[in-house]
C-alpha atoms as a PDB file:
ATOM      1  CA  MET A   1      11.059  15.115  18.621  1.00  0.00           C
ATOM      2  CA  SER A   2      12.376  18.450  17.774  1.00  0.00           C
ATOM      3  CA  GLN A   3      13.975  20.703  20.323  1.00  0.00           C
ATOM      4  CA  PRO A   4      11.862  23.788  21.457  1.00  0.00           C
ATOM      5  CA  ASP A   5      12.766  27.288  20.747  1.00  0.00           C
ATOM      6  CA  ALA A   6      11.620  28.231  24.448  1.00  0.00           C
ATOM      7  CA  ILE A   7      10.510  26.839  27.610  1.00  0.00           C
ATOM      8  CA  LEU A   8       7.240  28.048  29.510  1.00  0.00           C
ATOM      9  CA  LEU A   9       7.086  27.463  33.247  1.00  0.00           C
ATOM     10  CA  LEU A  10       3.655  27.267  34.487  1.00  0.00           C
ATOM     11  CA  ALA A  11       2.532  28.191  38.132  1.00  0.00           C
ATOM     12  CA  HIS A  12      -0.553  28.960  40.043  1.00  0.00           C
ATOM     13  CA  GLY A  13      -0.278  32.769  40.474  1.00  0.00           C
ATOM     14  CA  THR A  14      -0.771  34.856  43.439  1.00  0.00           C
ATOM     15  CA  PRO A  15      -2.242  38.453  44.024  1.00  0.00           C
ATOM     16  CA  ASP A  16       0.101  41.405  44.281  1.00  0.00           C
ATOM     17  CA  VAL A  17      -1.819  43.463  46.974  1.00  0.00           C
ATOM     18  CA  LEU A  18      -4.537  42.545  49.459  1.00  0.00           C
ATOM     19  CA  SER A  19      -7.147  44.460  47.629  1.00  0.00           C
ATOM     20  CA  GLU A  20      -6.957  42.009  44.597  1.00  0.00           C
ATOM     21  CA  MET A  21      -7.904  39.068  46.663  1.00  0.00           C
ATOM     22  CA  ALA A  22     -11.531  38.700  45.681  1.00  0.00           C
ATOM     23  CA  GLU A  23     -10.600  39.110  41.867  1.00  0.00           C
ATOM     24  CA  TYR A  24      -7.922  36.444  42.488  1.00  0.00           C
ATOM     25  CA  LEU A  25     -10.203  33.956  44.225  1.00  0.00           C
ATOM     26  CA  SER A  26     -12.721  34.439  41.446  1.00  0.00           C
ATOM     27  CA  LYS A  27      -9.947  33.020  39.113  1.00  0.00           C
ATOM     28  CA  VAL A  28      -9.187  30.214  41.329  1.00  0.00           C
ATOM     29  CA  THR A  29     -12.866  29.059  41.786  1.00  0.00           C
ATOM     30  CA  ASN A  30     -13.669  29.770  38.028  1.00  0.00           C
ATOM     31  CA  GLY A  31     -16.138  32.561  38.979  1.00  0.00           C
ATOM     32  CA  ARG A  32     -17.836  30.581  41.872  1.00  0.00           C
ATOM     33  CA  PRO A  33     -18.633  33.242  44.515  1.00  0.00           C
ATOM     34  CA  LEU A  34     -17.078  32.972  47.966  1.00  0.00           C
ATOM     35  CA  PRO A  35     -18.609  34.162  51.259  1.00  0.00           C
ATOM     36  CA  ALA A  36     -16.943  37.664  52.351  1.00  0.00           C
ATOM     37  CA  ALA A  37     -15.682  35.990  55.547  1.00  0.00           C
ATOM     38  CA  VAL A  38     -13.523  33.491  53.410  1.00  0.00           C
ATOM     39  CA  VAL A  39     -12.094  36.443  51.312  1.00  0.00           C
ATOM     40  CA  GLU A  40     -11.260  38.351  54.628  1.00  0.00           C
ATOM     41  CA  GLU A  41      -9.580  35.373  56.162  1.00  0.00           C
ATOM     42  CA  LEU A  42      -7.449  34.773  53.173  1.00  0.00           C
ATOM     43  CA  GLN A  43      -6.410  38.478  53.269  1.00  0.00           C
ATOM     44  CA  HIS A  44      -5.628  37.890  56.750  1.00  0.00           C
ATOM     45  CA  ARG A  45      -3.433  34.940  55.886  1.00  0.00           C
ATOM     46  CA  TYR A  46      -1.669  36.760  53.047  1.00  0.00           C
ATOM     47  CA  ALA A  47      -1.099  39.744  55.224  1.00  0.00           C
ATOM     48  CA  GLU A  48       0.402  37.569  57.857  1.00  0.00           C
ATOM     49  CA  ILE A  49       3.142  36.505  55.260  1.00  0.00           C
ATOM     50  CA  GLY A  50       3.902  40.150  54.225  1.00  0.00           C
ATOM     51  CA  LEU A  51       1.473  41.087  51.454  1.00  0.00           C
ATOM     52  CA  GLN A  52       0.264  44.826  51.862  1.00  0.00           C
ATOM     53  CA  GLU A  53      -2.014  47.336  50.142  1.00  0.00           C
ATOM     54  CA  THR A  54       0.859  48.495  47.993  1.00  0.00           C
ATOM     55  CA  PRO A  55       2.934  46.160  45.798  1.00  0.00           C
ATOM     56  CA  LEU A  56       6.148  44.667  47.350  1.00  0.00           C
ATOM     57  CA  PRO A  57       9.407  45.797  45.825  1.00  0.00           C
ATOM     58  CA  ASP A  58      10.204  42.389  44.528  1.00  0.00           C
ATOM     59  CA  GLY A  59       6.698  40.956  44.290  1.00  0.00           C
ATOM     60  CA  PRO A  60       5.002  38.426  46.398  1.00  0.00           C
ATOM     61  CA  PRO A  61       7.166  35.263  47.326  1.00  0.00           C
ATOM     62  CA  LEU A  62       5.685  32.976  44.672  1.00  0.00           C
ATOM     63  CA  THR A  63       5.936  35.324  41.812  1.00  0.00           C
ATOM     64  CA  ARG A  64       9.371  36.645  42.709  1.00  0.00           C
ATOM     65  CA  LEU A  65      10.870  33.010  43.194  1.00  0.00           C
ATOM     66  CA  THR A  66       9.236  31.685  39.941  1.00  0.00           C
ATOM     67  CA  LEU A  67      10.602  34.520  37.952  1.00  0.00           C
ATOM     68  CA  GLN A  68      14.042  33.833  39.546  1.00  0.00           C
ATOM     69  CA  GLN A  69      13.803  30.132  38.621  1.00  0.00           C
ATOM     70  CA  SER A  70      13.053  31.187  34.939  1.00  0.00           C
ATOM     71  CA  ARG A  71      16.045  33.330  34.873  1.00  0.00           C
ATOM     72  CA  MET A  72      18.353  30.591  36.216  1.00  0.00           C
ATOM     73  CA  LEU A  73      16.971  28.082  33.753  1.00  0.00           C
ATOM     74  CA  ALA A  74      17.420  30.432  30.896  1.00  0.00           C
ATOM     75  CA  ASP A  75      21.166  30.970  31.754  1.00  0.00           C
ATOM     76  CA  GLU A  76      21.522  27.248  31.864  1.00  0.00           C
ATOM     77  CA  LEU A  77      19.643  26.376  28.613  1.00  0.00           C
ATOM     78  CA  GLU A  78      20.629  29.582  26.725  1.00  0.00           C
ATOM     79  CA  ILE A  79      17.114  29.802  25.147  1.00  0.00           C
ATOM     80  CA  PRO A  80      14.378  31.934  26.371  1.00  0.00           C
ATOM     81  CA  VAL A  81      12.209  30.756  29.549  1.00  0.00           C
ATOM     82  CA  TYR A  82       9.063  32.431  30.083  1.00  0.00           C
ATOM     83  CA  VAL A  83       6.639  32.216  33.147  1.00  0.00           C
ATOM     84  CA  GLY A  84       2.802  31.915  32.731  1.00  0.00           C
ATOM     85  CA  MET A  85       0.261  31.978  35.665  1.00  0.00           C
ATOM     86  CA  ARG A  86      -3.031  30.325  35.608  1.00  0.00           C
ATOM     87  CA  ASN A  87      -4.869  32.553  38.238  1.00  0.00           C
ATOM     88  CA  TRP A  88      -3.011  35.949  37.942  1.00  0.00           C
ATOM     89  CA  HIS A  89      -0.636  38.061  35.982  1.00  0.00           C
ATOM     90  CA  PRO A  90       1.205  37.253  33.802  1.00  0.00           C
ATOM     91  CA  TYR A  91      -1.615  35.094  32.502  1.00  0.00           C
ATOM     92  CA  ILE A  92      -0.645  31.976  30.414  1.00  0.00           C
ATOM     93  CA  ALA A  93      -2.559  33.002  27.297  1.00  0.00           C
ATOM     94  CA  ASP A  94      -1.027  36.483  27.404  1.00  0.00           C
ATOM     95  CA  VAL A  95       2.546  35.071  27.792  1.00  0.00           C
ATOM     96  CA  VAL A  96       1.871  32.654  24.931  1.00  0.00           C
ATOM     97  CA  THR A  97       0.789  35.478  22.646  1.00  0.00           C
ATOM     98  CA  GLN A  98       3.934  37.320  23.691  1.00  0.00           C
ATOM     99  CA  MET A  99       6.176  34.126  22.733  1.00  0.00           C
ATOM    100  CA  ARG A 100       4.589  34.273  19.377  1.00  0.00           C
ATOM    101  CA  ALA A 101       5.376  37.906  18.889  1.00  0.00           C
ATOM    102  CA  ASP A 102       9.059  37.119  20.133  1.00  0.00           C
ATOM    103  CA  GLY A 103       9.209  34.627  17.138  1.00  0.00           C
ATOM    104  CA  VAL A 104       8.710  31.470  19.276  1.00  0.00           C
ATOM    105  CA  ARG A 105       7.167  28.670  17.129  1.00  0.00           C
ATOM    106  CA  HIS A 106       7.657  25.504  19.368  1.00  0.00           C
ATOM    107  CA  PHE A 107       7.797  25.545  23.096  1.00  0.00           C
ATOM    108  CA  LYS A 108       7.902  23.029  26.000  1.00  0.00           C
ATOM    109  CA  ALA A 109       5.585  23.644  28.962  1.00  0.00           C
ATOM    110  CA  ILE A 110       6.572  22.734  32.323  1.00  0.00           C
ATOM    111  CA  CYS A 111       4.107  22.787  35.210  1.00  0.00           C
ATOM    112  CA  LEU A 112       5.777  23.586  38.347  1.00  0.00           C
ATOM    113  CA  ALA A 113       3.486  21.204  40.176  1.00  0.00           C
ATOM    114  CA  PRO A 114       5.483  17.915  39.821  1.00  0.00           C
ATOM    115  CA  GLN A 115       2.554  15.580  40.562  1.00  0.00           C
ATOM    116  CA  ASN A 116       0.086  15.162  37.891  1.00  0.00           C
ATOM    117  CA  SER A 117      -3.636  15.797  38.811  1.00  0.00           C
ATOM    118  CA  ARG A 118      -7.102  16.841  37.352  1.00  0.00           C
ATOM    119  CA  THR A 119      -7.222  20.044  39.561  1.00  0.00           C
ATOM    120  CA  SER A 120      -3.734  21.277  38.772  1.00  0.00           C
ATOM    121  CA  VAL A 121      -1.837  19.866  35.694  1.00  0.00           C
ATOM    122  CA  GLY A 122      -5.091  19.077  33.781  1.00  0.00           C
ATOM    123  CA  LEU A 123      -6.236  22.688  34.054  1.00  0.00           C
ATOM    124  CA  TYR A 124      -2.781  23.903  33.265  1.00  0.00           C
ATOM    125  CA  ARG A 125      -2.726  21.745  30.105  1.00  0.00           C
ATOM    126  CA  SER A 126      -6.254  22.960  28.983  1.00  0.00           C
ATOM    127  CA  VAL A 127      -5.463  26.546  29.259  1.00  0.00           C
ATOM    128  CA  THR A 128      -1.975  26.341  27.634  1.00  0.00           C
ATOM    129  CA  ALA A 129      -3.150  24.272  25.017  1.00  0.00           C
ATOM    130  CA  LYS A 130      -6.184  26.562  24.171  1.00  0.00           C
ATOM    131  CA  ALA A 131      -3.880  29.592  23.956  1.00  0.00           C
ATOM    132  CA  ALA A 132      -1.192  27.684  21.766  1.00  0.00           C
ATOM    133  CA  ALA A 133      -4.014  26.765  19.362  1.00  0.00           C
ATOM    134  CA  GLU A 134      -5.160  30.095  18.797  1.00  0.00           C
ATOM    135  CA  GLU A 135      -1.721  31.223  17.532  1.00  0.00           C
ATOM    136  CA  PRO A 136      -0.684  30.211  13.934  1.00  0.00           C
ATOM    137  CA  ALA A 137       1.644  27.454  13.533  1.00  0.00           C
ATOM    138  CA  MET A 138       2.499  27.270  17.196  1.00  0.00           C
ATOM    139  CA  GLN A 139       3.712  23.763  18.548  1.00  0.00           C
ATOM    140  CA  MET A 140       3.607  22.857  22.234  1.00  0.00           C
ATOM    141  CA  ASP A 141       5.128  19.983  24.170  1.00  0.00           C
ATOM    142  CA  PHE A 142       3.263  19.699  27.432  1.00  0.00           C
ATOM    143  CA  VAL A 143       5.073  17.942  30.327  1.00  0.00           C
ATOM    144  CA  ALA A 144       2.319  16.218  32.228  1.00  0.00           C
ATOM    145  CA  GLY A 145       4.202  15.224  35.300  1.00  0.00           C
ATOM    146  CA  TRP A 146       7.774  14.549  36.876  1.00  0.00           C
ATOM    147  CA  ALA A 147       6.869  13.401  40.306  1.00  0.00           C
ATOM    148  CA  GLU A 148       9.420  10.506  40.160  1.00  0.00           C
ATOM    149  CA  HIS A 149      12.305  12.538  38.631  1.00  0.00           C
ATOM    150  CA  PRO A 150      15.494  11.365  40.645  1.00  0.00           C
ATOM    151  CA  LEU A 151      16.809  14.771  40.761  1.00  0.00           C
ATOM    152  CA  LEU A 152      13.609  16.218  42.280  1.00  0.00           C
ATOM    153  CA  ALA A 153      13.781  13.612  45.215  1.00  0.00           C
ATOM    154  CA  ALA A 154      17.559  14.435  45.555  1.00  0.00           C
ATOM    155  CA  ALA A 155      16.811  18.163  45.676  1.00  0.00           C
ATOM    156  CA  PHE A 156      14.164  17.643  48.417  1.00  0.00           C
ATOM    157  CA  ALA A 157      16.284  15.254  50.293  1.00  0.00           C
ATOM    158  CA  GLU A 158      19.268  17.854  50.414  1.00  0.00           C
ATOM    159  CA  ARG A 159      16.692  20.369  52.014  1.00  0.00           C
ATOM    160  CA  LEU A 160      15.404  17.700  54.322  1.00  0.00           C
ATOM    161  CA  TRP A 161      18.612  16.128  55.751  1.00  0.00           C
ATOM    162  CA  PRO A 162      19.849  19.160  57.947  1.00  0.00           C
ATOM    163  CA  ALA A 163      16.286  19.941  59.316  1.00  0.00           C
ATOM    164  CA  TRP A 164      15.865  16.199  60.227  1.00  0.00           C
ATOM    165  CA  ALA A 165      19.348  15.789  61.879  1.00  0.00           C
ATOM    166  CA  GLU A 166      18.999  19.056  63.816  1.00  0.00           C
ATOM    167  CA  ALA A 167      15.599  17.953  65.139  1.00  0.00           C
ATOM    168  CA  CYS A 168      16.757  14.601  66.127  1.00  0.00           C
ATOM    169  CA  ALA A 169      19.763  16.045  67.778  1.00  0.00           C
ATOM    170  CA  THR A 170      17.808  18.661  69.709  1.00  0.00           C
ATOM    171  CA  THR A 171      15.130  16.144  70.788  1.00  0.00           C
ATOM    172  CA  GLY A 172      17.642  13.207  71.597  1.00  0.00           C
ATOM    173  CA  ARG A 173      15.575  10.769  69.660  1.00  0.00           C
ATOM    174  CA  ARG A 174      14.476   9.995  66.230  1.00  0.00           C
ATOM    175  CA  VAL A 175      11.933  12.482  65.233  1.00  0.00           C
ATOM    176  CA  PRO A 176       9.352  11.701  62.434  1.00  0.00           C
ATOM    177  CA  VAL A 177       9.031  13.361  59.213  1.00  0.00           C
ATOM    178  CA  LEU A 178       5.778  14.429  57.759  1.00  0.00           C
ATOM    179  CA  PHE A 179       5.573  14.902  53.917  1.00  0.00           C
ATOM    180  CA  THR A 180       2.647  16.929  52.595  1.00  0.00           C
ATOM    181  CA  ALA A 181       0.982  17.788  49.279  1.00  0.00           C
ATOM    182  CA  HIS A 182      -1.962  20.075  48.785  1.00  0.00           C
ATOM    183  CA  SER A 183      -5.396  18.367  49.332  1.00  0.00           C
ATOM    184  CA  VAL A 184      -8.008  18.328  46.581  1.00  0.00           C
ATOM    185  CA  PRO A 185     -11.707  17.812  46.643  1.00  0.00           C
ATOM    186  CA  CYS A 186     -12.784  14.157  46.664  1.00  0.00           C
ATOM    187  CA  ARG A 187     -15.143  14.688  43.941  1.00  0.00           C
ATOM    188  CA  THR A 188     -12.563  15.642  41.510  1.00  0.00           C
ATOM    189  CA  ILE A 189     -10.451  12.296  41.701  1.00  0.00           C
ATOM    190  CA  MET A 190     -12.388   9.739  43.807  1.00  0.00           C
ATOM    191  CA  MET A 191     -15.150   7.280  43.125  1.00  0.00           C
ATOM    192  CA  GLY A 192     -14.917   5.543  46.492  1.00  0.00           C
ATOM    193  CA  THR A 193     -14.782   6.356  50.004  1.00  0.00           C
ATOM    194  CA  VAL A 194     -12.642   9.327  51.422  1.00  0.00           C
ATOM    195  CA  GLN A 195      -9.315   8.320  52.883  1.00  0.00           C
ATOM    196  CA  SER A 196      -9.275   8.968  56.725  1.00  0.00           C
ATOM    197  CA  ALA A 197      -6.495   9.347  59.262  1.00  0.00           C
ATOM    198  CA  THR A 198      -7.049   5.817  60.099  1.00  0.00           C
ATOM    199  CA  SER A 199      -6.374   4.521  56.517  1.00  0.00           C
ATOM    200  CA  PRO A 200      -3.140   2.943  55.550  1.00  0.00           C
ATOM    201  CA  SER A 201      -1.931   6.229  54.033  1.00  0.00           C
ATOM    202  CA  ALA A 202      -1.813   7.674  57.634  1.00  0.00           C
ATOM    203  CA  GLU A 203       0.704   4.965  58.530  1.00  0.00           C
ATOM    204  CA  PRO A 204       4.511   5.542  58.184  1.00  0.00           C
ATOM    205  CA  GLY A 205       5.955   4.207  54.831  1.00  0.00           C
ATOM    206  CA  ARG A 206       2.628   2.786  53.583  1.00  0.00           C
ATOM    207  CA  PRO A 207       1.489   3.225  49.928  1.00  0.00           C
ATOM    208  CA  VAL A 208      -1.584   5.260  49.235  1.00  0.00           C
ATOM    209  CA  PRO A 209      -4.319   2.783  48.015  1.00  0.00           C
ATOM    210  CA  ALA A 210      -5.133   3.320  44.236  1.00  0.00           C
ATOM    211  CA  GLU A 211      -8.453   1.840  44.139  1.00  0.00           C
ATOM    212  CA  GLY A 212     -11.455   3.966  43.741  1.00  0.00           C
ATOM    213  CA  ILE A 213      -9.540   6.789  42.165  1.00  0.00           C
ATOM    214  CA  GLN A 214     -10.417   8.228  38.884  1.00  0.00           C
ATOM    215  CA  ASN A 215      -8.744  10.117  36.091  1.00  0.00           C
ATOM    216  CA  TYR A 216      -9.202  13.393  34.457  1.00  0.00           C
ATOM    217  CA  GLY A 217      -9.859  11.274  31.102  1.00  0.00           C
ATOM    218  CA  ALA A 218     -11.784   7.999  31.293  1.00  0.00           C
ATOM    219  CA  ARG A 219     -13.462   7.170  34.317  1.00  0.00           C
ATOM    220  CA  THR A 220     -11.777   3.713  34.392  1.00  0.00           C
ATOM    221  CA  GLU A 221      -8.433   5.033  34.606  1.00  0.00           C
ATOM    222  CA  PRO A 222      -6.783   6.157  37.948  1.00  0.00           C
ATOM    223  CA  ASP A 223      -6.153   9.815  38.580  1.00  0.00           C
ATOM    224  CA  PRO A 224      -2.492   9.848  39.404  1.00  0.00           C
ATOM    225  CA  TYR A 225      -2.271  12.613  41.955  1.00  0.00           C
ATOM    226  CA  PRO A 226      -2.582  10.823  45.351  1.00  0.00           C
ATOM    227  CA  VAL A 227      -0.391   8.088  44.315  1.00  0.00           C
ATOM    228  CA  GLU A 228       2.379  10.391  42.602  1.00  0.00           C
ATOM    229  CA  ALA A 229       2.383  12.637  45.681  1.00  0.00           C
ATOM    230  CA  LYS A 230       3.041   9.602  47.908  1.00  0.00           C
ATOM    231  CA  ARG A 231       5.618   8.275  45.431  1.00  0.00           C
ATOM    232  CA  THR A 232       7.571  11.614  45.537  1.00  0.00           C
ATOM    233  CA  ALA A 233       7.650  11.331  49.288  1.00  0.00           C
ATOM    234  CA  ALA A 234       8.832   7.579  49.214  1.00  0.00           C
ATOM    235  CA  LEU A 235      11.628   8.645  46.708  1.00  0.00           C
ATOM    236  CA  VAL A 236      12.850  11.475  49.108  1.00  0.00           C
ATOM    237  CA  ALA A 237      12.949   9.011  52.025  1.00  0.00           C
ATOM    238  CA  GLN A 238      14.604   6.494  49.910  1.00  0.00           C
ATOM    239  CA  ALA A 239      17.487   9.063  48.969  1.00  0.00           C
ATOM    240  CA  LEU A 240      18.022   9.632  52.765  1.00  0.00           C
ATOM    241  CA  ALA A 241      18.314   5.848  53.387  1.00  0.00           C
ATOM    242  CA  PRO A 242      22.175   5.989  53.455  1.00  0.00           C
ATOM    243  CA  VAL A 243      21.870   8.417  56.472  1.00  0.00           C
ATOM    244  CA  GLY A 244      19.588   5.954  58.269  1.00  0.00           C
ATOM    245  CA  MET A 245      15.995   7.050  57.230  1.00  0.00           C
ATOM    246  CA  THR A 246      13.666   4.152  57.082  1.00  0.00           C
ATOM    247  CA  ASP A 247       9.960   3.565  56.389  1.00  0.00           C
ATOM    248  CA  ARG A 248       9.138   3.902  59.881  1.00  0.00           C
ATOM    249  CA  ASP A 249      10.542   7.290  60.078  1.00  0.00           C
ATOM    250  CA  TRP A 250       8.029   9.144  57.770  1.00  0.00           C
ATOM    251  CA  TYR A 251       4.334   9.783  57.332  1.00  0.00           C
ATOM    252  CA  PHE A 252       2.336  11.529  54.801  1.00  0.00           C
ATOM    253  CA  ALA A 253      -0.790  13.939  54.969  1.00  0.00           C
ATOM    254  CA  PHE A 254      -2.602  16.234  52.532  1.00  0.00           C
ATOM    255  CA  GLN A 255      -2.701  20.026  53.844  1.00  0.00           C
ATOM    256  CA  SER A 256      -4.603  23.032  53.196  1.00  0.00           C
ATOM    257  CA  GLN A 257      -8.048  21.566  52.747  1.00  0.00           C
ATOM    258  CA  GLY A 258     -10.284  24.247  51.086  1.00  0.00           C
ATOM    259  CA  VAL A 259     -13.553  25.766  51.805  1.00  0.00           C
ATOM    260  CA  ALA A 260     -15.431  24.129  48.637  1.00  0.00           C
ATOM    261  CA  GLY A 261     -18.441  22.186  49.587  1.00  0.00           C
ATOM    262  CA  GLY A 262     -17.918  18.413  50.070  1.00  0.00           C
ATOM    263  CA  PRO A 263     -14.863  16.477  51.622  1.00  0.00           C
ATOM    264  CA  TRP A 264     -11.419  16.818  50.500  1.00  0.00           C
ATOM    265  CA  ILE A 265      -8.908  13.921  50.504  1.00  0.00           C
ATOM    266  CA  GLY A 266      -6.922  13.106  53.574  1.00  0.00           C
ATOM    267  CA  PRO A 267      -5.375  12.297  55.940  1.00  0.00           C
ATOM    268  CA  THR A 268      -5.154  15.794  57.339  1.00  0.00           C
ATOM    269  CA  VAL A 269      -2.149  17.292  58.862  1.00  0.00           C
ATOM    270  CA  GLU A 270      -4.099  17.907  62.149  1.00  0.00           C
ATOM    271  CA  ASP A 271      -5.160  14.302  62.481  1.00  0.00           C
ATOM    272  CA  THR A 272      -1.647  13.078  61.674  1.00  0.00           C
ATOM    273  CA  PHE A 273      -0.329  15.257  64.531  1.00  0.00           C
ATOM    274  CA  LYS A 274      -2.649  13.728  67.021  1.00  0.00           C
ATOM    275  CA  ALA A 275      -1.586  10.317  65.995  1.00  0.00           C
ATOM    276  CA  LEU A 276       1.924  11.208  66.414  1.00  0.00           C
ATOM    277  CA  VAL A 277       1.178  12.783  69.824  1.00  0.00           C
ATOM    278  CA  ALA A 278      -0.636   9.531  70.718  1.00  0.00           C
ATOM    279  CA  GLU A 279       2.311   7.511  69.749  1.00  0.00           C
ATOM    280  CA  GLY A 280       4.488   9.578  72.221  1.00  0.00           C
ATOM    281  CA  HIS A 281       6.351  12.036  69.700  1.00  0.00           C
ATOM    282  CA  THR A 282       7.031  15.561  70.815  1.00  0.00           C
ATOM    283  CA  ALA A 283       8.397  16.860  67.594  1.00  0.00           C
ATOM    284  CA  VAL A 284       7.805  16.541  63.796  1.00  0.00           C
ATOM    285  CA  VAL A 285       9.821  17.707  60.669  1.00  0.00           C
ATOM    286  CA  MET A 286       7.440  18.817  57.841  1.00  0.00           C
ATOM    287  CA  GLN A 287       8.366  18.953  54.201  1.00  0.00           C
ATOM    288  CA  PRO A 288       5.772  19.795  51.730  1.00  0.00           C
ATOM    289  CA  ILE A 289       6.887  17.820  48.678  1.00  0.00           C
ATOM    290  CA  GLY A 290       3.862  19.078  46.478  1.00  0.00           C
ATOM    291  CA  PHE A 291       5.465  22.560  46.533  1.00  0.00           C
ATOM    292  CA  LEU A 292       8.435  23.915  45.098  1.00  0.00           C
ATOM    293  CA  CYS A 293       8.308  27.690  46.214  1.00  0.00           C
ATOM    294  CA  ASP A 294       7.401  29.334  49.317  1.00  0.00           C
ATOM    295  CA  HIS A 295       3.835  30.543  49.163  1.00  0.00           C
ATOM    296  CA  VAL A 296       0.803  31.103  51.523  1.00  0.00           C
ATOM    297  CA  GLU A 297       0.340  27.219  52.022  1.00  0.00           C
ATOM    298  CA  ILE A 298       3.964  27.076  53.360  1.00  0.00           C
ATOM    299  CA  LEU A 299       4.525  30.445  54.907  1.00  0.00           C
ATOM    300  CA  TYR A 300       1.092  30.693  56.585  1.00  0.00           C
ATOM    301  CA  ASP A 301      -0.421  27.092  56.805  1.00  0.00           C
ATOM    302  CA  ILE A 302       2.747  25.351  57.987  1.00  0.00           C
ATOM    303  CA  ASP A 303       4.943  28.072  59.661  1.00  0.00           C
ATOM    304  CA  ILE A 304       2.038  29.809  61.381  1.00  0.00           C
ATOM    305  CA  ALA A 305      -0.994  27.683  61.587  1.00  0.00           C
ATOM    306  CA  PHE A 306       0.456  24.099  61.784  1.00  0.00           C
ATOM    307  CA  ALA A 307       3.192  25.331  64.232  1.00  0.00           C
ATOM    308  CA  GLU A 308       0.324  26.716  66.617  1.00  0.00           C
ATOM    309  CA  THR A 309      -1.531  23.512  66.304  1.00  0.00           C
ATOM    310  CA  GLY A 310       1.592  21.609  67.153  1.00  0.00           C
ATOM    311  CA  ARG A 311       2.192  23.935  70.220  1.00  0.00           C
ATOM    312  CA  GLU A 312      -1.489  23.218  71.460  1.00  0.00           C
ATOM    313  CA  LEU A 313      -0.698  19.449  71.223  1.00  0.00           C
ATOM    314  CA  GLY A 314       2.765  19.499  72.573  1.00  0.00           C
ATOM    315  CA  LEU A 315       4.447  18.871  69.302  1.00  0.00           C
ATOM    316  CA  LYS A 316       7.228  21.110  68.188  1.00  0.00           C
ATOM    317  CA  VAL A 317       6.858  21.699  64.377  1.00  0.00           C
ATOM    318  CA  SER A 318       9.843  22.489  62.210  1.00  0.00           C
ATOM    319  CA  ARG A 319      10.195  22.613  58.348  1.00  0.00           C
ATOM    320  CA  ALA A 320      12.726  21.855  55.714  1.00  0.00           C
ATOM    321  CA  GLU A 321      13.575  24.729  53.688  1.00  0.00           C
ATOM    322  CA  SER A 322      11.793  25.016  50.426  1.00  0.00           C
ATOM    323  CA  LEU A 323      13.445  24.354  47.012  1.00  0.00           C
ATOM    324  CA  ASN A 324      12.675  27.806  45.818  1.00  0.00           C
ATOM    325  CA  ALA A 325      15.344  28.993  43.109  1.00  0.00           C
ATOM    326  CA  SER A 326      17.821  26.415  44.078  1.00  0.00           C
ATOM    327  CA  GLU A 327      20.607  24.950  41.877  1.00  0.00           C
ATOM    328  CA  PRO A 328      19.411  21.359  42.497  1.00  0.00           C
ATOM    329  CA  LEU A 329      15.766  22.217  41.334  1.00  0.00           C
ATOM    330  CA  ILE A 330      17.275  23.931  38.295  1.00  0.00           C
ATOM    331  CA  ARG A 331      19.288  20.917  37.422  1.00  0.00           C
ATOM    332  CA  ALA A 332      16.174  18.834  37.378  1.00  0.00           C
ATOM    333  CA  LEU A 333      14.167  21.336  35.268  1.00  0.00           C
ATOM    334  CA  LYS A 334      17.116  21.499  32.733  1.00  0.00           C
ATOM    335  CA  THR A 335      16.910  17.741  32.201  1.00  0.00           C
ATOM    336  CA  ILE A 336      13.096  18.059  31.582  1.00  0.00           C
ATOM    337  CA  ALA A 337      13.642  21.029  29.295  1.00  0.00           C
ATOM    338  CA  GLU A 338      16.408  19.327  27.308  1.00  0.00           C
ATOM    339  CA  GLY A 339      14.613  15.861  27.156  1.00  0.00           C
ATOM    340  CA  THR A 340      17.440  14.069  28.712  1.00  0.00           C
ATOM    341  CA  TYR A 341      14.858  12.999  31.440  1.00  0.00           C
ATOM    342  CA  LYS A 342      12.066  11.136  30.013  1.00  0.00           C
ATOM    343  CA  ALA A 343       8.979  12.793  31.376  1.00  0.00           C
ATOM    344  CA  ASP A 344       5.376  12.286  30.190  1.00  0.00           C
ATOM    345  CA  VAL A 345       5.446  14.770  27.262  1.00  0.00           C
ATOM    346  CA  GLU A 346       2.430  15.224  24.946  1.00  0.00           C
ATOM    347  CA  GLU A 347       3.016  16.853  21.662  1.00  0.00           C
ATOM    348  CA  LEU A 348       0.104  19.422  20.608  1.00  0.00           C
ATOM    349  CA  ALA A 349       0.173  21.309  17.419  1.00  0.00           C
ATOM    350  CA  GLY A 350      -1.370  24.756  17.123  1.00  0.00           C
ATOM    351  CA  ALA A 351      -3.550  26.240  14.298  1.00  0.00           C
END
């Protein structure tokens, strides 16, 4: 496999101002209309984390941090690093066109969602492959997932350790850690029953059952997302074993269930909080291992909504700092870009 001329980092995208919310959500739902109350609620949440009617000087957190990641990675690699968003500016297709105009003929696309899934990585792949195919003689290498990258686990562990140590010291006892990833609709990945808060995945250190989960491809193949998300969490906990973390110290939940019809995969954070309180815990440290940057799911869902839920239950909620544009994350991305970490890479030729 030849070395690429450039790297393309792929991210979700986020509106720049509150008035763009309806248009942005139409991209997220692929044109499916949402009730006005849902749009208003999401405008409220984004306003709570600082989005305004006028653009922020440095842009919203997700955009600002992703662009910063690209600059840091470009400095390390000494080749161009671009950023393409699936649901907002700069759109992936527009960025691929710009790359071709800049003379790029071979690029590697890295999705900034480490765990492979139909609803994230699968969609990024199809959009990026279509854009590359429309450009003459454009070759794309697509990184399908890097959930088990040891440097990713080490980066998360480096953020988690001080938060966990402080919570344990303040509380005077061992505080549980709750790892989270974004929930997805059950219909997109599951053929069987919905996981509930009483399933094995709601217990500390237990694996997510793989039965009944289907892939983006053949129905007989498992969709890797729930398993990969739990695997990332397990590797982070394993990285902290030298300082005393055991399988009894951590739990896993899916957060930020959406408003689409039908059930979303669990266990939920809310149900897990209730289970922790029932076990006598008074504090919890959260680490969202499905997210690399601060965004609404972290700054609002965790820091505001889950913190309030915890207060109502008598559970003090704290959070490990996000990876954002940190050197440990950039080191992990560099190994993927250079090919020294053998991620699952698919070679796709353009027109």
